[in-house]
Amino acid sequence: MAFRSRSTAHEFRLLKYFTDNIDRVLTRELLLNEVWGYNSYPTTRTVDNQILKLRQKLEADPANPKHLLTIYGADYKFVP
C-alpha cells in the first residue's frame, strides 16, 4: 500500500488510528471522537468521505477493498 496522491492530516491520523487498532471494528462515533475530536456532532458523512479517499489512495481496487473494510452497520475495520 502506498499513498497515490496528496494526503491530508486527517487522512494520516485516521490511517494511524486504524493501524493502532488492527482487526478491531471501529464505529463512526469512535472515529469522530478519536480522530477529529468531536464530542457532540450532528449526523455527518465525514468518516465515510475520508474512508473513500483513503480507499482511492491505498486499495488496488477501491470498489472491492481488502484493507479498509465496511462492516455491516456502518462500522469499519482495517486489515493489513
PDB file of N, CA and C in Angstrom:
ATOM      1  N   MET A   1       0.847  -1.181   0.000  1.00  0.00           N
ATOM      2  CA  MET A   1       0.000   0.000   0.000  1.00  0.00           C
ATOM      3  C   MET A   1       0.888   1.239   0.000  1.00  0.00           C
ATOM      4  N   ALA A   2       0.547   2.190  -0.829  1.00  0.00           N
ATOM      5  CA  ALA A   2       1.271   3.456  -0.859  1.00  0.00           C
ATOM      6  C   ALA A   2       0.303   4.557  -1.260  1.00  0.00           C
ATOM      7  N   PHE A   3       0.448   5.718  -0.621  1.00  0.00           N
ATOM      8  CA  PHE A   3      -0.411   6.840  -0.974  1.00  0.00           C
ATOM      9  C   PHE A   3      -0.137   7.240  -2.409  1.00  0.00           C
ATOM     10  N   ARG A   4      -1.186   7.434  -3.196  1.00  0.00           N
ATOM     11  CA  ARG A   4      -1.055   7.753  -4.613  1.00  0.00           C
ATOM     12  C   ARG A   4      -1.133   9.245  -4.901  1.00  0.00           C
ATOM     13  N   SER A   5      -1.558  10.030  -3.967  1.00  0.00           N
ATOM     14  CA  SER A   5      -1.636  11.470  -4.175  1.00  0.00           C
ATOM     15  C   SER A   5      -1.526  12.168  -2.822  1.00  0.00           C
ATOM     16  N   ARG A   6      -1.647  13.472  -2.833  1.00  0.00           N
ATOM     17  CA  ARG A   6      -1.513  14.239  -1.595  1.00  0.00           C
ATOM     18  C   ARG A   6      -2.528  13.789  -0.564  1.00  0.00           C
ATOM     19  N   SER A   7      -2.092  13.739   0.664  1.00  0.00           N
ATOM     20  CA  SER A   7      -2.958  13.303   1.757  1.00  0.00           C
ATOM     21  C   SER A   7      -3.108  14.426   2.768  1.00  0.00           C
ATOM     22  N   THR A   8      -4.243  14.412   3.436  1.00  0.00           N
ATOM     23  CA  THR A   8      -4.494  15.426   4.443  1.00  0.00           C
ATOM     24  C   THR A   8      -4.055  14.915   5.811  1.00  0.00           C
ATOM     25  N   ALA A   9      -3.929  15.833   6.740  1.00  0.00           N
ATOM     26  CA  ALA A   9      -3.569  15.463   8.111  1.00  0.00           C
ATOM     27  C   ALA A   9      -4.608  14.510   8.701  1.00  0.00           C
ATOM     28  N   HIS A  10      -5.874  14.740   8.399  1.00  0.00           N
ATOM     29  CA  HIS A  10      -6.910  13.848   8.919  1.00  0.00           C
ATOM     30  C   HIS A  10      -6.780  12.448   8.339  1.00  0.00           C
ATOM     31  N   GLU A  11      -6.415  12.346   7.071  1.00  0.00           N
ATOM     32  CA  GLU A  11      -6.222  11.021   6.483  1.00  0.00           C
ATOM     33  C   GLU A  11      -5.096  10.280   7.186  1.00  0.00           C
ATOM     34  N   PHE A  12      -4.001  10.969   7.477  1.00  0.00           N
ATOM     35  CA  PHE A  12      -2.895  10.338   8.196  1.00  0.00           C
ATOM     36  C   PHE A  12      -3.321   9.929   9.600  1.00  0.00           C
ATOM     37  N   ARG A  13      -4.039  10.809  10.299  1.00  0.00           N
ATOM     38  CA  ARG A  13      -4.495  10.471  11.661  1.00  0.00           C
ATOM     39  C   ARG A  13      -5.460   9.289  11.640  1.00  0.00           C
ATOM     40  N   LEU A  14      -6.350   9.272  10.655  1.00  0.00           N
ATOM     41  CA  LEU A  14      -7.302   8.174  10.533  1.00  0.00           C
ATOM     42  C   LEU A  14      -6.563   6.869  10.241  1.00  0.00           C
ATOM     43  N   LEU A  15      -5.628   6.892   9.310  1.00  0.00           N
ATOM     44  CA  LEU A  15      -4.866   5.696   8.988  1.00  0.00           C
ATOM     45  C   LEU A  15      -4.048   5.228  10.197  1.00  0.00           C
ATOM     46  N   LYS A  16      -3.444   6.150  10.925  1.00  0.00           N
ATOM     47  CA  LYS A  16      -2.694   5.778  12.128  1.00  0.00           C
ATOM     48  C   LYS A  16      -3.614   5.136  13.158  1.00  0.00           C
ATOM     49  N   TYR A  17      -4.812   5.701  13.345  1.00  0.00           N
ATOM     50  CA  TYR A  17      -5.752   5.112  14.306  1.00  0.00           C
ATOM     51  C   TYR A  17      -6.136   3.700  13.880  1.00  0.00           C
ATOM     52  N   PHE A  18      -6.341   3.509  12.587  1.00  0.00           N
ATOM     53  CA  PHE A  18      -6.640   2.159  12.094  1.00  0.00           C
ATOM     54  C   PHE A  18      -5.463   1.219  12.348  1.00  0.00           C
ATOM     55  N   THR A  19      -4.244   1.659  12.065  1.00  0.00           N
ATOM     56  CA  THR A  19      -3.089   0.773  12.245  1.00  0.00           C
ATOM     57  C   THR A  19      -2.802   0.509  13.724  1.00  0.00           C
ATOM     58  N   ASP A  20      -3.199   1.421  14.573  1.00  0.00           N
ATOM     59  CA  ASP A  20      -3.070   1.191  16.024  1.00  0.00           C
ATOM     60  C   ASP A  20      -4.143   0.239  16.538  1.00  0.00           C
ATOM     61  N   ASN A  21      -5.164  -0.009  15.733  1.00  0.00           N
ATOM     62  CA  ASN A  21      -6.301  -0.856  16.137  1.00  0.00           C
ATOM     63  C   ASN A  21      -6.597  -1.908  15.063  1.00  0.00           C
ATOM     64  N   ILE A  22      -5.552  -2.570  14.604  1.00  0.00           N
ATOM     65  CA  ILE A  22      -5.686  -3.568  13.532  1.00  0.00           C
ATOM     66  C   ILE A  22      -6.695  -4.642  13.916  1.00  0.00           C
ATOM     67  N   ASP A  23      -7.538  -4.988  12.944  1.00  0.00           N
ATOM     68  CA  ASP A  23      -8.558  -6.040  13.069  1.00  0.00           C
ATOM     69  C   ASP A  23      -9.652  -5.727  14.093  1.00  0.00           C
ATOM     70  N   ARG A  24      -9.672  -4.527  14.618  1.00  0.00           N
ATOM     71  CA  ARG A  24     -10.724  -4.122  15.559  1.00  0.00           C
ATOM     72  C   ARG A  24     -11.806  -3.373  14.778  1.00  0.00           C
ATOM     73  N   VAL A  25     -13.054  -3.682  15.044  1.00  0.00           N
ATOM     74  CA  VAL A  25     -14.160  -2.960  14.406  1.00  0.00           C
ATOM     75  C   VAL A  25     -14.315  -1.618  15.116  1.00  0.00           C
ATOM     76  N   LEU A  26     -14.274  -0.537  14.335  1.00  0.00           N
ATOM     77  CA  LEU A  26     -14.340   0.823  14.873  1.00  0.00           C
ATOM     78  C   LEU A  26     -15.597   1.512  14.369  1.00  0.00           C
ATOM     79  N   THR A  27     -16.358   2.069  15.294  1.00  0.00           N
ATOM     80  CA  THR A  27     -17.587   2.754  14.906  1.00  0.00           C
ATOM     81  C   THR A  27     -17.278   4.153  14.386  1.00  0.00           C
ATOM     82  N   ARG A  28     -18.221   4.688  13.616  1.00  0.00           N
ATOM     83  CA  ARG A  28     -18.121   6.064  13.144  1.00  0.00           C
ATOM     84  C   ARG A  28     -17.976   7.015  14.323  1.00  0.00           C
ATOM     85  N   GLU A  29     -18.795   6.812  15.342  1.00  0.00           N
ATOM     86  CA  GLU A  29     -18.762   7.679  16.526  1.00  0.00           C
ATOM     87  C   GLU A  29     -17.383   7.664  17.176  1.00  0.00           C
ATOM     88  N   LEU A  30     -16.814   6.485  17.346  1.00  0.00           N
ATOM     89  CA  LEU A  30     -15.481   6.378  17.949  1.00  0.00           C
ATOM     90  C   LEU A  30     -14.450   7.100  17.093  1.00  0.00           C
ATOM     91  N   LEU A  31     -14.496   6.892  15.780  1.00  0.00           N
ATOM     92  CA  LEU A  31     -13.541   7.555  14.893  1.00  0.00           C
ATOM     93  C   LEU A  31     -13.701   9.072  14.937  1.00  0.00           C
ATOM     94  N   LEU A  32     -14.928   9.559  14.949  1.00  0.00           N
ATOM     95  CA  LEU A  32     -15.150  11.010  15.048  1.00  0.00           C
ATOM     96  C   LEU A  32     -14.575  11.563  16.344  1.00  0.00           C
ATOM     97  N   ASN A  33     -14.770  10.843  17.430  1.00  0.00           N
ATOM     98  CA  ASN A  33     -14.253  11.295  18.727  1.00  0.00           C
ATOM     99  C   ASN A  33     -12.730  11.249  18.780  1.00  0.00           C
ATOM    100  N   GLU A  34     -12.155  10.151  18.339  1.00  0.00           N
ATOM    101  CA  GLU A  34     -10.714   9.928  18.480  1.00  0.00           C
ATOM    102  C   GLU A  34      -9.864  10.639  17.426  1.00  0.00           C
ATOM    103  N   VAL A  35     -10.337  10.708  16.203  1.00  0.00           N
ATOM    104  CA  VAL A  35      -9.545  11.298  15.120  1.00  0.00           C
ATOM    105  C   VAL A  35      -9.839  12.780  14.941  1.00  0.00           C
ATOM    106  N   TRP A  36     -11.110  13.148  14.995  1.00  0.00           N
ATOM    107  CA  TRP A  36     -11.494  14.545  14.782  1.00  0.00           C
ATOM    108  C   TRP A  36     -11.705  15.307  16.082  1.00  0.00           C
ATOM    109  N   GLY A  37     -11.843  14.602  17.189  1.00  0.00           N
ATOM    110  CA  GLY A  37     -12.042  15.259  18.474  1.00  0.00           C
ATOM    111  C   GLY A  37     -13.450  15.792  18.672  1.00  0.00           C
ATOM    112  N   TYR A  38     -14.426  15.232  17.952  1.00  0.00           N
ATOM    113  CA  TYR A  38     -15.809  15.661  18.111  1.00  0.00           C
ATOM    114  C   TYR A  38     -16.393  15.024  19.364  1.00  0.00           C
ATOM    115  N   ASN A  39     -16.926  15.847  20.250  1.00  0.00           N
ATOM    116  CA  ASN A  39     -17.602  15.329  21.431  1.00  0.00           C
ATOM    117  C   ASN A  39     -19.104  15.255  21.219  1.00  0.00           C
ATOM    118  N   SER A  40     -19.622  16.177  20.466  1.00  0.00           N
ATOM    119  CA  SER A  40     -21.026  16.133  20.058  1.00  0.00           C
ATOM    120  C   SER A  40     -21.068  16.626  18.624  1.00  0.00           C
ATOM    121  N   TYR A  41     -21.886  16.010  17.828  1.00  0.00           N
ATOM    122  CA  TYR A  41     -21.883  16.336  16.412  1.00  0.00           C
ATOM    123  C   TYR A  41     -23.220  15.947  15.795  1.00  0.00           C
ATOM    124  N   PRO A  42     -23.600  16.625  14.729  1.00  0.00           N
ATOM    125  CA  PRO A  42     -24.812  16.233  14.005  1.00  0.00           C
ATOM    126  C   PRO A  42     -24.499  15.007  13.156  1.00  0.00           C
ATOM    127  N   THR A  43     -25.482  14.491  12.469  1.00  0.00           N
ATOM    128  CA  THR A  43     -25.239  13.409  11.527  1.00  0.00           C
ATOM    129  C   THR A  43     -24.199  13.897  10.534  1.00  0.00           C
ATOM    130  N   THR A  44     -23.189  13.113  10.325  1.00  0.00           N
ATOM    131  CA  THR A  44     -22.110  13.556   9.449  1.00  0.00           C
ATOM    132  C   THR A  44     -21.616  12.419   8.574  1.00  0.00           C
ATOM    133  N   ARG A  45     -21.156  12.771   7.411  1.00  0.00           N
ATOM    134  CA  ARG A  45     -20.572  11.793   6.478  1.00  0.00           C
ATOM    135  C   ARG A  45     -19.048  11.943   6.458  1.00  0.00           C
ATOM    136  N   THR A  46     -18.505  12.662   7.409  1.00  0.00           N
ATOM    137  CA  THR A  46     -17.075  12.931   7.460  1.00  0.00           C
ATOM    138  C   THR A  46     -16.253  11.652   7.394  1.00  0.00           C
ATOM    139  N   VAL A  47     -16.575  10.690   8.238  1.00  0.00           N
ATOM    140  CA  VAL A  47     -15.813   9.441   8.274  1.00  0.00           C
ATOM    141  C   VAL A  47     -15.934   8.721   6.937  1.00  0.00           C
ATOM    142  N   ASP A  48     -17.145   8.606   6.416  1.00  0.00           N
ATOM    143  CA  ASP A  48     -17.359   7.912   5.143  1.00  0.00           C
ATOM    144  C   ASP A  48     -16.541   8.548   4.019  1.00  0.00           C
ATOM    145  N   ASN A  49     -16.527   9.866   3.978  1.00  0.00           N
ATOM    146  CA  ASN A  49     -15.786  10.574   2.934  1.00  0.00           C
ATOM    147  C   ASN A  49     -14.288  10.332   3.058  1.00  0.00           C
ATOM    148  N   GLN A  50     -13.769  10.340   4.285  1.00  0.00           N
ATOM    149  CA  GLN A  50     -12.344  10.101   4.488  1.00  0.00           C
ATOM    150  C   GLN A  50     -11.970   8.654   4.174  1.00  0.00           C
ATOM    151  N   ILE A  51     -12.843   7.711   4.513  1.00  0.00           N
ATOM    152  CA  ILE A  51     -12.603   6.306   4.178  1.00  0.00           C
ATOM    153  C   ILE A  51     -12.540   6.155   2.662  1.00  0.00           C
ATOM    154  N   LEU A  52     -13.460   6.794   1.959  1.00  0.00           N
ATOM    155  CA  LEU A  52     -13.473   6.744   0.496  1.00  0.00           C
ATOM    156  C   LEU A  52     -12.157   7.272  -0.066  1.00  0.00           C
ATOM    157  N   LYS A  53     -11.681   8.398   0.439  1.00  0.00           N
ATOM    158  CA  LYS A  53     -10.420   8.978  -0.031  1.00  0.00           C
ATOM    159  C   LYS A  53      -9.250   8.036   0.239  1.00  0.00           C
ATOM    160  N   LEU A  54      -9.221   7.447   1.431  1.00  0.00           N
ATOM    161  CA  LEU A  54      -8.142   6.506   1.748  1.00  0.00           C
ATOM    162  C   LEU A  54      -8.195   5.282   0.846  1.00  0.00           C
ATOM    163  N   ARG A  55      -9.381   4.771   0.602  1.00  0.00           N
ATOM    164  CA  ARG A  55      -9.507   3.610  -0.288  1.00  0.00           C
ATOM    165  C   ARG A  55      -8.988   3.935  -1.688  1.00  0.00           C
ATOM    166  N   GLN A  56      -9.306   5.127  -2.180  1.00  0.00           N
ATOM    167  CA  GLN A  56      -8.849   5.520  -3.506  1.00  0.00           C
ATOM    168  C   GLN A  56      -7.328   5.598  -3.570  1.00  0.00           C
ATOM    169  N   LYS A  57      -6.700   5.904  -2.458  1.00  0.00           N
ATOM    170  CA  LYS A  57      -5.249   6.042  -2.417  1.00  0.00           C
ATOM    171  C   LYS A  57      -4.531   4.742  -2.071  1.00  0.00           C
ATOM    172  N   LEU A  58      -5.161   3.886  -1.293  1.00  0.00           N
ATOM    173  CA  LEU A  58      -4.472   2.706  -0.767  1.00  0.00           C
ATOM    174  C   LEU A  58      -4.862   1.380  -1.408  1.00  0.00           C
ATOM    175  N   GLU A  59      -6.084   1.268  -1.819  1.00  0.00           N
ATOM    176  CA  GLU A  59      -6.581  -0.017  -2.319  1.00  0.00           C
ATOM    177  C   GLU A  59      -6.272  -0.178  -3.806  1.00  0.00           C
ATOM    178  N   ALA A  60      -5.907  -1.402  -4.216  1.00  0.00           N
ATOM    179  CA  ALA A  60      -5.697  -1.696  -5.631  1.00  0.00           C
ATOM    180  C   ALA A  60      -7.012  -1.528  -6.395  1.00  0.00           C
ATOM    181  N   ASP A  61      -8.115  -1.947  -5.762  1.00  0.00           N
ATOM    182  CA  ASP A  61      -9.452  -1.812  -6.340  1.00  0.00           C
ATOM    183  C   ASP A  61     -10.359  -1.205  -5.271  1.00  0.00           C
ATOM    184  N   PRO A  62     -10.479   0.124  -5.244  1.00  0.00           N
ATOM    185  CA  PRO A  62     -11.264   0.786  -4.193  1.00  0.00           C
ATOM    186  C   PRO A  62     -12.708   0.303  -4.078  1.00  0.00           C
ATOM    187  N   ALA A  63     -13.282  -0.189  -5.174  1.00  0.00           N
ATOM    188  CA  ALA A  63     -14.668  -0.676  -5.145  1.00  0.00           C
ATOM    189  C   ALA A  63     -14.774  -2.019  -4.424  1.00  0.00           C
ATOM    190  N   ASN A  64     -13.665  -2.727  -4.312  1.00  0.00           N
ATOM    191  CA  ASN A  64     -13.623  -4.024  -3.630  1.00  0.00           C
ATOM    192  C   ASN A  64     -12.456  -4.029  -2.651  1.00  0.00           C
ATOM    193  N   PRO A  65     -12.574  -3.254  -1.574  1.00  0.00           N
ATOM    194  CA  PRO A  65     -11.445  -3.088  -0.656  1.00  0.00           C
ATOM    195  C   PRO A  65     -11.073  -4.386   0.061  1.00  0.00           C
ATOM    196  N   LYS A  66      -9.782  -4.532   0.305  1.00  0.00           N
ATOM    197  CA  LYS A  66      -9.267  -5.674   1.049  1.00  0.00           C
ATOM    198  C   LYS A  66      -8.672  -5.251   2.394  1.00  0.00           C
ATOM    199  N   HIS A  67      -8.454  -3.944   2.570  1.00  0.00           N
ATOM    200  CA  HIS A  67      -7.799  -3.454   3.783  1.00  0.00           C
ATOM    201  C   HIS A  67      -8.713  -2.577   4.639  1.00  0.00           C
ATOM    202  N   LEU A  68      -9.402  -1.648   4.029  1.00  0.00           N
ATOM    203  CA  LEU A  68     -10.325  -0.764   4.747  1.00  0.00           C
ATOM    204  C   LEU A  68     -11.736  -1.283   4.513  1.00  0.00           C
ATOM    205  N   LEU A  69     -12.185  -2.123   5.407  1.00  0.00           N
ATOM    206  CA  LEU A  69     -13.445  -2.830   5.227  1.00  0.00           C
ATOM    207  C   LEU A  69     -14.608  -2.130   5.909  1.00  0.00           C
ATOM    208  N   THR A  70     -15.761  -2.184   5.275  1.00  0.00           N
ATOM    209  CA  THR A  70     -17.001  -1.721   5.888  1.00  0.00           C
ATOM    210  C   THR A  70     -17.667  -2.942   6.508  1.00  0.00           C
ATOM    211  N   ILE A  71     -17.993  -2.837   7.771  1.00  0.00           N
ATOM    212  CA  ILE A  71     -18.682  -3.892   8.498  1.00  0.00           C
ATOM    213  C   ILE A  71     -20.145  -3.477   8.584  1.00  0.00           C
ATOM    214  N   TYR A  72     -21.048  -4.394   8.293  1.00  0.00           N
ATOM    215  CA  TYR A  72     -22.481  -4.086   8.296  1.00  0.00           C
ATOM    216  C   TYR A  72     -22.863  -3.296   9.537  1.00  0.00           C
ATOM    217  N   GLY A  73     -23.576  -2.206   9.351  1.00  0.00           N
ATOM    218  CA  GLY A  73     -23.987  -1.346  10.450  1.00  0.00           C
ATOM    219  C   GLY A  73     -23.152  -0.071  10.506  1.00  0.00           C
ATOM    220  N   ALA A  74     -22.374   0.204   9.436  1.00  0.00           N
ATOM    221  CA  ALA A  74     -21.601   1.437   9.307  1.00  0.00           C
ATOM    222  C   ALA A  74     -20.387   1.497  10.218  1.00  0.00           C
ATOM    223  N   ASP A  75     -19.814   0.359  10.524  1.00  0.00           N
ATOM    224  CA  ASP A  75     -18.550   0.310  11.249  1.00  0.00           C
ATOM    225  C   ASP A  75     -17.443  -0.008  10.255  1.00  0.00           C
ATOM    226  N   TYR A  76     -16.201   0.205  10.665  1.00  0.00           N
ATOM    227  CA  TYR A  76     -15.075  -0.016   9.782  1.00  0.00           C
ATOM    228  C   TYR A  76     -14.009  -0.838  10.480  1.00  0.00           C
ATOM    229  N   LYS A  77     -13.209  -1.529   9.658  1.00  0.00           N
ATOM    230  CA  LYS A  77     -12.114  -2.338  10.192  1.00  0.00           C
ATOM    231  C   LYS A  77     -10.948  -2.282   9.219  1.00  0.00           C
ATOM    232  N   PHE A  78      -9.735  -2.192   9.765  1.00  0.00           N
ATOM    233  CA  PHE A  78      -8.527  -2.208   8.949  1.00  0.00           C
ATOM    234  C   PHE A  78      -7.878  -3.568   9.062  1.00  0.00           C
ATOM    235  N   VAL A  79      -7.611  -4.172   7.899  1.00  0.00           N
ATOM    236  CA  VAL A  79      -6.953  -5.468   7.834  1.00  0.00           C
ATOM    237  C   VAL A  79      -5.700  -5.271   6.981  1.00  0.00           C
ATOM    238  N   PRO A  80      -4.512  -5.462   7.567  1.00  0.00           N
ATOM    239  CA  PRO A  80      -3.272  -5.247   6.795  1.00  0.00           C
ATOM    240  C   PRO A  80      -3.098  -6.274   5.675  1.00  0.00           C
TER     241      PRO A  80
END
